[in-house]
Amino acid sequence: MNGIFEMNIVSTGLKTAAMLFIVLGLMILVLYLMKRFLFRRREAKGDLAIKVLSSLHLSAKERIEVIEISGERIVLGIAPGNIRYITKLNDSNGKTGS
């Protein structure tokens, strides 16, 4: 009787471990497919009107960002609940991007 009981525990444990690996494998597959197809679409939009070129964090909640809008480079100061225009950057030729 003990041999049958021990065999039953071993086979149940093996079945449980196999199901666990199957579920984990399916989760990893789903996450991989989501990363490949869903997040790739978001990155493919290279024609955005606003691009963040550079960001400098001054403190935990404040930063300065250089953005490009329709070919113009603008410097913004960003704080909680507040975005301020600082200046427009010149092109490499020395002309403003207007």
PDB file of N, CA and C in Angstrom:
ATOM      1  N   MET A   1       0.828  -1.192   0.000  1.00  0.00           N
ATOM      2  CA  MET A   1       0.000   0.000   0.000  1.00  0.00           C
ATOM      3  C   MET A   1       0.868   1.250   0.000  1.00  0.00           C
ATOM      4  N   ASN A   2       1.995   1.235   0.733  1.00  0.00           N
ATOM      5  CA  ASN A   2       2.873   2.400   0.763  1.00  0.00           C
ATOM      6  C   ASN A   2       3.476   2.681  -0.604  1.00  0.00           C
ATOM      7  N   GLY A   3       3.826   1.656  -1.364  1.00  0.00           N
ATOM      8  CA  GLY A   3       4.433   1.839  -2.686  1.00  0.00           C
ATOM      9  C   GLY A   3       3.490   2.540  -3.644  1.00  0.00           C
ATOM     10  N   ILE A   4       2.216   2.168  -3.605  1.00  0.00           N
ATOM     11  CA  ILE A   4       1.229   2.793  -4.496  1.00  0.00           C
ATOM     12  C   ILE A   4       1.023   4.248  -4.097  1.00  0.00           C
ATOM     13  N   PHE A   5       0.975   4.526  -2.802  1.00  0.00           N
ATOM     14  CA  PHE A   5       0.769   5.898  -2.315  1.00  0.00           C
ATOM     15  C   PHE A   5       1.945   6.793  -2.714  1.00  0.00           C
ATOM     16  N   GLU A   6       3.182   6.274  -2.557  1.00  0.00           N
ATOM     17  CA  GLU A   6       4.356   7.051  -2.926  1.00  0.00           C
ATOM     18  C   GLU A   6       4.408   7.286  -4.428  1.00  0.00           C
ATOM     19  N   MET A   7       4.025   6.307  -5.232  1.00  0.00           N
ATOM     20  CA  MET A   7       3.988   6.463  -6.678  1.00  0.00           C
ATOM     21  C   MET A   7       2.962   7.500  -7.080  1.00  0.00           C
ATOM     22  N   ASN A   8       1.833   7.516  -6.387  1.00  0.00           N
ATOM     23  CA  ASN A   8       0.784   8.484  -6.680  1.00  0.00           C
ATOM     24  C   ASN A   8       1.266   9.903  -6.372  1.00  0.00           C
ATOM     25  N   ILE A   9       1.993  10.095  -5.279  1.00  0.00           N
ATOM     26  CA  ILE A   9       2.518  11.413  -4.923  1.00  0.00           C
ATOM     27  C   ILE A   9       3.546  11.860  -5.958  1.00  0.00           C
ATOM     28  N   VAL A  10       4.425  10.942  -6.378  1.00  0.00           N
ATOM     29  CA  VAL A  10       5.455  11.284  -7.361  1.00  0.00           C
ATOM     30  C   VAL A  10       4.808  11.654  -8.694  1.00  0.00           C
ATOM     31  N   SER A  11       3.850  10.871  -9.145  1.00  0.00           N
ATOM     32  CA  SER A  11       3.212  11.167 -10.431  1.00  0.00           C
ATOM     33  C   SER A  11       2.411  12.464 -10.356  1.00  0.00           C
ATOM     34  N   THR A  12       1.775  12.738  -9.235  1.00  0.00           N
ATOM     35  CA  THR A  12       1.040  13.994  -9.069  1.00  0.00           C
ATOM     36  C   THR A  12       2.014  15.173  -9.054  1.00  0.00           C
ATOM     37  N   GLY A  13       3.138  15.008  -8.386  1.00  0.00           N
ATOM     38  CA  GLY A  13       4.151  16.067  -8.360  1.00  0.00           C
ATOM     39  C   GLY A  13       4.720  16.335  -9.740  1.00  0.00           C
ATOM     40  N   LEU A  14       4.966  15.272 -10.501  1.00  0.00           N
ATOM     41  CA  LEU A  14       5.479  15.451 -11.858  1.00  0.00           C
ATOM     42  C   LEU A  14       4.456  16.141 -12.761  1.00  0.00           C
ATOM     43  N   LYS A  15       3.194  15.761 -12.624  1.00  0.00           N
ATOM     44  CA  LYS A  15       2.143  16.405 -13.414  1.00  0.00           C
ATOM     45  C   LYS A  15       2.016  17.887 -13.046  1.00  0.00           C
ATOM     46  N   THR A  16       2.111  18.188 -11.756  1.00  0.00           N
ATOM     47  CA  THR A  16       2.022  19.586 -11.302  1.00  0.00           C
ATOM     48  C   THR A  16       3.197  20.403 -11.836  1.00  0.00           C
ATOM     49  N   ALA A  17       4.401  19.844 -11.767  1.00  0.00           N
ATOM     50  CA  ALA A  17       5.579  20.546 -12.267  1.00  0.00           C
ATOM     51  C   ALA A  17       5.484  20.753 -13.779  1.00  0.00           C
ATOM     52  N   ALA A  18       5.003  19.748 -14.502  1.00  0.00           N
ATOM     53  CA  ALA A  18       4.860  19.875 -15.949  1.00  0.00           C
ATOM     54  C   ALA A  18       3.843  20.969 -16.303  1.00  0.00           C
ATOM     55  N   MET A  19       2.735  21.010 -15.606  1.00  0.00           N
ATOM     56  CA  MET A  19       1.727  22.045 -15.867  1.00  0.00           C
ATOM     57  C   MET A  19       2.272  23.425 -15.532  1.00  0.00           C
ATOM     58  N   LEU A  20       3.064  23.518 -14.468  1.00  0.00           N
ATOM     59  CA  LEU A  20       3.672  24.793 -14.101  1.00  0.00           C
ATOM     60  C   LEU A  20       4.604  25.285 -15.207  1.00  0.00           C
ATOM     61  N   PHE A  21       5.432  24.395 -15.748  1.00  0.00           N
ATOM     62  CA  PHE A  21       6.330  24.779 -16.830  1.00  0.00           C
ATOM     63  C   PHE A  21       5.567  25.144 -18.103  1.00  0.00           C
ATOM     64  N   ILE A  22       4.473  24.461 -18.365  1.00  0.00           N
ATOM     65  CA  ILE A  22       3.658  24.799 -19.535  1.00  0.00           C
ATOM     66  C   ILE A  22       3.052  26.188 -19.375  1.00  0.00           C
ATOM     67  N   VAL A  23       2.510  26.488 -18.210  1.00  0.00           N
ATOM     68  CA  VAL A  23       1.907  27.805 -17.974  1.00  0.00           C
ATOM     69  C   VAL A  23       2.968  28.899 -18.035  1.00  0.00           C
ATOM     70  N   LEU A  24       4.122  28.684 -17.414  1.00  0.00           N
ATOM     71  CA  LEU A  24       5.201  29.671 -17.475  1.00  0.00           C
ATOM     72  C   LEU A  24       5.695  29.870 -18.901  1.00  0.00           C
ATOM     73  N   GLY A  25       5.800  28.794 -19.647  1.00  0.00           N
ATOM     74  CA  GLY A  25       6.219  28.898 -21.045  1.00  0.00           C
ATOM     75  C   GLY A  25       5.227  29.697 -21.874  1.00  0.00           C
ATOM     76  N   LEU A  26       3.934  29.472 -21.654  1.00  0.00           N
ATOM     77  CA  LEU A  26       2.914  30.240 -22.370  1.00  0.00           C
ATOM     78  C   LEU A  26       2.949  31.712 -21.989  1.00  0.00           C
ATOM     79  N   MET A  27       3.185  31.998 -20.705  1.00  0.00           N
ATOM     80  CA  MET A  27       3.277  33.399 -20.276  1.00  0.00           C
ATOM     81  C   MET A  27       4.473  34.085 -20.926  1.00  0.00           C
ATOM     82  N   ILE A  28       5.599  33.409 -20.982  1.00  0.00           N
ATOM     83  CA  ILE A  28       6.786  33.988 -21.610  1.00  0.00           C
ATOM     84  C   ILE A  28       6.543  34.204 -23.104  1.00  0.00           C
ATOM     85  N   LEU A  29       5.878  33.263 -23.751  1.00  0.00           N
ATOM     86  CA  LEU A  29       5.559  33.404 -25.169  1.00  0.00           C
ATOM     87  C   LEU A  29       4.633  34.587 -25.421  1.00  0.00           C
ATOM     88  N   VAL A  30       3.610  34.738 -24.598  1.00  0.00           N
ATOM     89  CA  VAL A  30       2.674  35.856 -24.754  1.00  0.00           C
ATOM     90  C   VAL A  30       3.382  37.185 -24.521  1.00  0.00           C
ATOM     91  N   LEU A  31       4.218  37.275 -23.492  1.00  0.00           N
ATOM     92  CA  LEU A  31       4.963  38.511 -23.241  1.00  0.00           C
ATOM     93  C   LEU A  31       5.918  38.834 -24.383  1.00  0.00           C
ATOM     94  N   TYR A  32       6.577  37.840 -24.940  1.00  0.00           N
ATOM     95  CA  TYR A  32       7.468  38.063 -26.073  1.00  0.00           C
ATOM     96  C   TYR A  32       6.690  38.584 -27.279  1.00  0.00           C
ATOM     97  N   LEU A  33       5.549  37.969 -27.563  1.00  0.00           N
ATOM     98  CA  LEU A  33       4.744  38.413 -28.702  1.00  0.00           C
ATOM     99  C   LEU A  33       4.203  39.824 -28.490  1.00  0.00           C
ATOM    100  N   MET A  34       3.810  40.144 -27.260  1.00  0.00           N
ATOM    101  CA  MET A  34       3.348  41.502 -26.971  1.00  0.00           C
ATOM    102  C   MET A  34       4.466  42.507 -27.185  1.00  0.00           C
ATOM    103  N   LYS A  35       5.653  42.182 -26.712  1.00  0.00           N
ATOM    104  CA  LYS A  35       6.782  43.092 -26.875  1.00  0.00           C
ATOM    105  C   LYS A  35       7.124  43.266 -28.346  1.00  0.00           C
ATOM    106  N   ARG A  36       7.066  42.202 -29.079  1.00  0.00           N
ATOM    107  CA  ARG A  36       7.460  42.259 -30.495  1.00  0.00           C
ATOM    108  C   ARG A  36       6.454  43.015 -31.350  1.00  0.00           C
ATOM    109  N   PHE A  37       5.155  42.780 -31.139  1.00  0.00           N
ATOM    110  CA  PHE A  37       4.162  43.350 -32.037  1.00  0.00           C
ATOM    111  C   PHE A  37       3.478  44.599 -31.504  1.00  0.00           C
ATOM    112  N   LEU A  38       3.144  44.648 -30.244  1.00  0.00           N
ATOM    113  CA  LEU A  38       2.421  45.804 -29.711  1.00  0.00           C
ATOM    114  C   LEU A  38       3.337  46.994 -29.502  1.00  0.00           C
ATOM    115  N   PHE A  39       4.483  46.798 -28.887  1.00  0.00           N
ATOM    116  CA  PHE A  39       5.361  47.913 -28.583  1.00  0.00           C
ATOM    117  C   PHE A  39       6.140  48.359 -29.812  1.00  0.00           C
ATOM    118  N   ARG A  40       6.299  47.505 -30.792  1.00  0.00           N
ATOM    119  CA  ARG A  40       6.997  47.867 -32.016  1.00  0.00           C
ATOM    120  C   ARG A  40       6.177  48.890 -32.798  1.00  0.00           C
ATOM    121  N   ARG A  41       4.867  48.780 -32.761  1.00  0.00           N
ATOM    122  CA  ARG A  41       4.006  49.737 -33.460  1.00  0.00           C
ATOM    123  C   ARG A  41       4.170  51.129 -32.890  1.00  0.00           C
ATOM    124  N   ARG A  42       4.319  51.227 -31.606  1.00  0.00           N
ATOM    125  CA  ARG A  42       4.473  52.525 -30.965  1.00  0.00           C
ATOM    126  C   ARG A  42       5.793  53.177 -31.382  1.00  0.00           C
ATOM    127  N   GLU A  43       6.863  52.387 -31.527  1.00  0.00           N
ATOM    128  CA  GLU A  43       8.156  52.912 -31.925  1.00  0.00           C
ATOM    129  C   GLU A  43       8.202  53.252 -33.406  1.00  0.00           C
ATOM    130  N   ALA A  44       7.350  52.618 -34.211  1.00  0.00           N
ATOM    131  CA  ALA A  44       7.395  52.808 -35.653  1.00  0.00           C
ATOM    132  C   ALA A  44       6.910  54.187 -36.076  1.00  0.00           C
ATOM    133  N   LYS A  45       6.267  54.916 -35.202  1.00  0.00           N
ATOM    134  CA  LYS A  45       5.767  56.238 -35.537  1.00  0.00           C
ATOM    135  C   LYS A  45       6.906  57.243 -35.470  1.00  0.00           C
ATOM    136  N   GLY A  46       7.741  57.264 -36.480  1.00  0.00           N
ATOM    137  CA  GLY A  46       8.863  58.175 -36.508  1.00  0.00           C
ATOM    138  C   GLY A  46       8.486  59.548 -37.025  1.00  0.00           C
ATOM    139  N   ASP A  47       7.261  59.733 -37.484  1.00  0.00           N
ATOM    140  CA  ASP A  47       6.823  60.995 -38.058  1.00  0.00           C
ATOM    141  C   ASP A  47       6.091  61.867 -37.047  1.00  0.00           C
ATOM    142  N   LEU A  48       6.424  61.740 -35.789  1.00  0.00           N
ATOM    143  CA  LEU A  48       5.759  62.538 -34.775  1.00  0.00           C
ATOM    144  C   LEU A  48       6.088  64.005 -34.956  1.00  0.00           C
ATOM    145  N   ALA A  49       5.136  64.871 -34.681  1.00  0.00           N
ATOM    146  CA  ALA A  49       5.341  66.306 -34.829  1.00  0.00           C
ATOM    147  C   ALA A  49       6.291  66.836 -33.759  1.00  0.00           C
ATOM    148  N   ILE A  50       6.334  66.201 -32.597  1.00  0.00           N
ATOM    149  CA  ILE A  50       7.182  66.645 -31.497  1.00  0.00           C
ATOM    150  C   ILE A  50       8.157  65.528 -31.155  1.00  0.00           C
ATOM    151  N   LYS A  51       9.449  65.858 -31.148  1.00  0.00           N
ATOM    152  CA  LYS A  51      10.476  64.884 -30.773  1.00  0.00           C
ATOM    153  C   LYS A  51      11.289  65.456 -29.621  1.00  0.00           C
ATOM    154  N   VAL A  52      11.542  64.641 -28.606  1.00  0.00           N
ATOM    155  CA  VAL A  52      12.395  65.049 -27.492  1.00  0.00           C
ATOM    156  C   VAL A  52      13.831  64.720 -27.888  1.00  0.00           C
ATOM    157  N   LEU A  53      14.650  65.748 -28.028  1.00  0.00           N
ATOM    158  CA  LEU A  53      16.041  65.562 -28.448  1.00  0.00           C
ATOM    159  C   LEU A  53      16.975  65.332 -27.274  1.00  0.00           C
ATOM    160  N   SER A  54      16.730  66.027 -26.160  1.00  0.00           N
ATOM    161  CA  SER A  54      17.611  65.911 -25.004  1.00  0.00           C
ATOM    162  C   SER A  54      16.837  66.273 -23.746  1.00  0.00           C
ATOM    163  N   SER A  55      17.263  65.709 -22.633  1.00  0.00           N
ATOM    164  CA  SER A  55      16.616  65.985 -21.356  1.00  0.00           C
ATOM    165  C   SER A  55      17.674  66.028 -20.264  1.00  0.00           C
ATOM    166  N   LEU A  56      17.620  67.051 -19.421  1.00  0.00           N
ATOM    167  CA  LEU A  56      18.553  67.197 -18.309  1.00  0.00           C
ATOM    168  C   LEU A  56      17.744  67.343 -17.025  1.00  0.00           C
ATOM    169  N   HIS A  57      17.877  66.393 -16.110  1.00  0.00           N
ATOM    170  CA  HIS A  57      17.148  66.435 -14.852  1.00  0.00           C
ATOM    171  C   HIS A  57      17.891  67.333 -13.872  1.00  0.00           C
ATOM    172  N   LEU A  58      17.204  68.356 -13.409  1.00  0.00           N
ATOM    173  CA  LEU A  58      17.795  69.273 -12.437  1.00  0.00           C
ATOM    174  C   LEU A  58      17.541  68.812 -11.011  1.00  0.00           C
ATOM    175  N   SER A  59      16.381  68.238 -10.781  1.00  0.00           N
ATOM    176  CA  SER A  59      16.036  67.652  -9.487  1.00  0.00           C
ATOM    177  C   SER A  59      15.087  66.495  -9.765  1.00  0.00           C
ATOM    178  N   ALA A  60      14.518  65.941  -8.713  1.00  0.00           N
ATOM    179  CA  ALA A  60      13.646  64.783  -8.891  1.00  0.00           C
ATOM    180  C   ALA A  60      12.401  65.117  -9.718  1.00  0.00           C
ATOM    181  N   LYS A  61      11.948  66.363  -9.648  1.00  0.00           N
ATOM    182  CA  LYS A  61      10.715  66.721 -10.345  1.00  0.00           C
ATOM    183  C   LYS A  61      10.890  67.832 -11.371  1.00  0.00           C
ATOM    184  N   GLU A  62      12.091  68.307 -11.563  1.00  0.00           N
ATOM    185  CA  GLU A  62      12.315  69.408 -12.501  1.00  0.00           C
ATOM    186  C   GLU A  62      13.355  69.000 -13.529  1.00  0.00           C
ATOM    187  N   ARG A  63      13.133  69.411 -14.781  1.00  0.00           N
ATOM    188  CA  ARG A  63      14.075  69.092 -15.836  1.00  0.00           C
ATOM    189  C   ARG A  63      14.003  70.134 -16.946  1.00  0.00           C
ATOM    190  N   ILE A  64      15.035  70.150 -17.760  1.00  0.00           N
ATOM    191  CA  ILE A  64      15.083  70.996 -18.949  1.00  0.00           C
ATOM    192  C   ILE A  64      15.119  70.047 -20.142  1.00  0.00           C
ATOM    193  N   GLU A  65      14.271  70.314 -21.147  1.00  0.00           N
ATOM    194  CA  GLU A  65      14.219  69.468 -22.327  1.00  0.00           C
ATOM    195  C   GLU A  65      14.390  70.295 -23.576  1.00  0.00           C
ATOM    196  N   VAL A  66      15.094  69.724 -24.542  1.00  0.00           N
ATOM    197  CA  VAL A  66      15.201  70.306 -25.867  1.00  0.00           C
ATOM    198  C   VAL A  66      14.310  69.458 -26.766  1.00  0.00           C
ATOM    199  N   ILE A  67      13.323  70.114 -27.381  1.00  0.00           N
ATOM    200  CA  ILE A  67      12.392  69.403 -28.253  1.00  0.00           C
ATOM    201  C   ILE A  67      12.468  70.004 -29.648  1.00  0.00           C
ATOM    202  N   GLU A  68      12.016  69.227 -30.615  1.00  0.00           N
ATOM    203  CA  GLU A  68      11.960  69.700 -31.989  1.00  0.00           C
ATOM    204  C   GLU A  68      10.517  69.620 -32.465  1.00  0.00           C
ATOM    205  N   ILE A  69      10.009  70.753 -32.913  1.00  0.00           N
ATOM    206  CA  ILE A  69       8.653  70.831 -33.440  1.00  0.00           C
ATOM    207  C   ILE A  69       8.743  71.439 -34.833  1.00  0.00           C
ATOM    208  N   SER A  70       8.357  70.675 -35.832  1.00  0.00           N
ATOM    209  CA  SER A  70       8.378  71.135 -37.226  1.00  0.00           C
ATOM    210  C   SER A  70       9.727  71.733 -37.608  1.00  0.00           C
ATOM    211  N   GLY A  71      10.806  71.113 -37.198  1.00  0.00           N
ATOM    212  CA  GLY A  71      12.139  71.557 -37.558  1.00  0.00           C
ATOM    213  C   GLY A  71      12.731  72.614 -36.642  1.00  0.00           C
ATOM    214  N   GLU A  72      11.964  73.149 -35.715  1.00  0.00           N
ATOM    215  CA  GLU A  72      12.460  74.163 -34.782  1.00  0.00           C
ATOM    216  C   GLU A  72      12.843  73.493 -33.464  1.00  0.00           C
ATOM    217  N   ARG A  73      13.990  73.883 -32.929  1.00  0.00           N
ATOM    218  CA  ARG A  73      14.439  73.342 -31.647  1.00  0.00           C
ATOM    219  C   ARG A  73      14.129  74.354 -30.551  1.00  0.00           C
ATOM    220  N   ILE A  74      13.405  73.875 -29.542  1.00  0.00           N
ATOM    221  CA  ILE A  74      12.930  74.738 -28.465  1.00  0.00           C
ATOM    222  C   ILE A  74      13.388  74.152 -27.137  1.00  0.00           C
ATOM    223  N   VAL A  75      13.797  75.033 -26.207  1.00  0.00           N
ATOM    224  CA  VAL A  75      14.207  74.614 -24.866  1.00  0.00           C
ATOM    225  C   VAL A  75      13.064  74.927 -23.909  1.00  0.00           C
ATOM    226  N   LEU A  76      12.653  73.907 -23.142  1.00  0.00           N
ATOM    227  CA  LEU A  76      11.554  74.043 -22.191  1.00  0.00           C
ATOM    228  C   LEU A  76      12.030  73.703 -20.787  1.00  0.00           C
ATOM    229  N   GLY A  77      11.494  74.408 -19.802  1.00  0.00           N
ATOM    230  CA  GLY A  77      11.688  74.063 -18.405  1.00  0.00           C
ATOM    231  C   GLY A  77      10.429  73.377 -17.911  1.00  0.00           C
ATOM    232  N   ILE A  78      10.576  72.198 -17.346  1.00  0.00           N
ATOM    233  CA  ILE A  78       9.412  71.404 -16.939  1.00  0.00           C
ATOM    234  C   ILE A  78       9.493  71.134 -15.445  1.00  0.00           C
ATOM    235  N   ALA A  79       8.417  71.489 -14.742  1.00  0.00           N
ATOM    236  CA  ALA A  79       8.264  71.240 -13.308  1.00  0.00           C
ATOM    237  C   ALA A  79       6.845  70.714 -13.089  1.00  0.00           C
ATOM    238  N   PRO A  80       6.541  70.200 -11.913  1.00  0.00           N
ATOM    239  CA  PRO A  80       5.194  69.687 -11.666  1.00  0.00           C
ATOM    240  C   PRO A  80       4.138  70.773 -11.896  1.00  0.00           C
ATOM    241  N   GLY A  81       3.238  70.512 -12.815  1.00  0.00           N
ATOM    242  CA  GLY A  81       2.150  71.440 -13.100  1.00  0.00           C
ATOM    243  C   GLY A  81       2.588  72.692 -13.830  1.00  0.00           C
ATOM    244  N   ASN A  82       3.783  72.695 -14.437  1.00  0.00           N
ATOM    245  CA  ASN A  82       4.296  73.909 -15.038  1.00  0.00           C
ATOM    246  C   ASN A  82       5.270  73.561 -16.162  1.00  0.00           C
ATOM    247  N   ILE A  83       5.041  74.109 -17.348  1.00  0.00           N
ATOM    248  CA  ILE A  83       5.965  73.985 -18.470  1.00  0.00           C
ATOM    249  C   ILE A  83       6.230  75.391 -18.977  1.00  0.00           C
ATOM    250  N   ARG A  84       7.508  75.774 -19.025  1.00  0.00           N
ATOM    251  CA  ARG A  84       7.860  77.139 -19.441  1.00  0.00           C
ATOM    252  C   ARG A  84       8.768  77.105 -20.664  1.00  0.00           C
ATOM    253  N   TYR A  85       8.481  78.009 -21.581  1.00  0.00           N
ATOM    254  CA  TYR A  85       9.332  78.224 -22.740  1.00  0.00           C
ATOM    255  C   TYR A  85      10.563  78.994 -22.287  1.00  0.00           C
ATOM    256  N   ILE A  86      11.751  78.505 -22.638  1.00  0.00           N
ATOM    257  CA  ILE A  86      12.977  79.194 -22.256  1.00  0.00           C
ATOM    258  C   ILE A  86      13.561  79.939 -23.456  1.00  0.00           C
ATOM    259  N   THR A  87      13.859  79.221 -24.529  1.00  0.00           N
ATOM    260  CA  THR A  87      14.425  79.869 -25.704  1.00  0.00           C
ATOM    261  C   THR A  87      14.309  78.957 -26.913  1.00  0.00           C
ATOM    262  N   LYS A  88      14.607  79.517 -28.077  1.00  0.00           N
ATOM    263  CA  LYS A  88      14.669  78.754 -29.316  1.00  0.00           C
ATOM    264  C   LYS A  88      16.138  78.643 -29.685  1.00  0.00           C
ATOM    265  N   LEU A  89      16.596  77.445 -30.049  1.00  0.00           N
ATOM    266  CA  LEU A  89      17.997  77.238 -30.396  1.00  0.00           C
ATOM    267  C   LEU A  89      18.247  77.592 -31.849  1.00  0.00           C
ATOM    268  N   ASN A  90      19.452  78.084 -32.130  1.00  0.00           N
ATOM    269  CA  ASN A  90      19.853  78.401 -33.496  1.00  0.00           C
ATOM    270  C   ASN A  90      20.257  77.146 -34.238  1.00  0.00           C
ATOM    271  N   ASP A  91      20.161  77.205 -35.585  1.00  0.00           N
ATOM    272  CA  ASP A  91      20.686  76.127 -36.423  1.00  0.00           C
ATOM    273  C   ASP A  91      22.198  76.188 -36.408  1.00  0.00           C
ATOM    274  N   SER A  92      22.834  75.207 -37.013  1.00  0.00           N
ATOM    275  CA  SER A  92      24.286  75.198 -37.079  1.00  0.00           C
ATOM    276  C   SER A  92      24.810  76.345 -37.944  1.00  0.00           C
ATOM    277  N   ASN A  93      23.963  76.933 -38.817  1.00  0.00           N
ATOM    278  CA  ASN A  93      24.365  78.055 -39.667  1.00  0.00           C
ATOM    279  C   ASN A  93      24.315  79.378 -38.932  1.00  0.00           C
ATOM    280  N   GLY A  94      23.760  79.378 -37.726  1.00  0.00           N
ATOM    281  CA  GLY A  94      23.641  80.618 -36.967  1.00  0.00           C
ATOM    282  C   GLY A  94      22.307  81.306 -37.155  1.00  0.00           C
ATOM    283  N   LYS A  95      21.419  80.715 -37.951  1.00  0.00           N
ATOM    284  CA  LYS A  95      20.100  81.293 -38.161  1.00  0.00           C
ATOM    285  C   LYS A  95      19.097  80.622 -37.244  1.00  0.00           C
ATOM    286  N   THR A  96      18.078  81.359 -36.822  1.00  0.00           N
ATOM    287  CA  THR A  96      17.031  80.752 -36.016  1.00  0.00           C
ATOM    288  C   THR A  96      16.139  79.931 -36.930  1.00  0.00           C
ATOM    289  N   GLY A  97      15.523  78.907 -36.358  1.00  0.00           N
ATOM    290  CA  GLY A  97      14.693  78.002 -37.156  1.00  0.00           C
ATOM    291  C   GLY A  97      13.283  78.493 -37.336  1.00  0.00           C
ATOM    292  N   SER A  98      13.029  79.694 -37.799  1.00  0.00           N
ATOM    293  CA  SER A  98      11.670  80.192 -37.983  1.00  0.00           C
ATOM    294  C   SER A  98      11.286  80.045 -39.385  1.00  0.00           C
TER     295      SER A  98
END
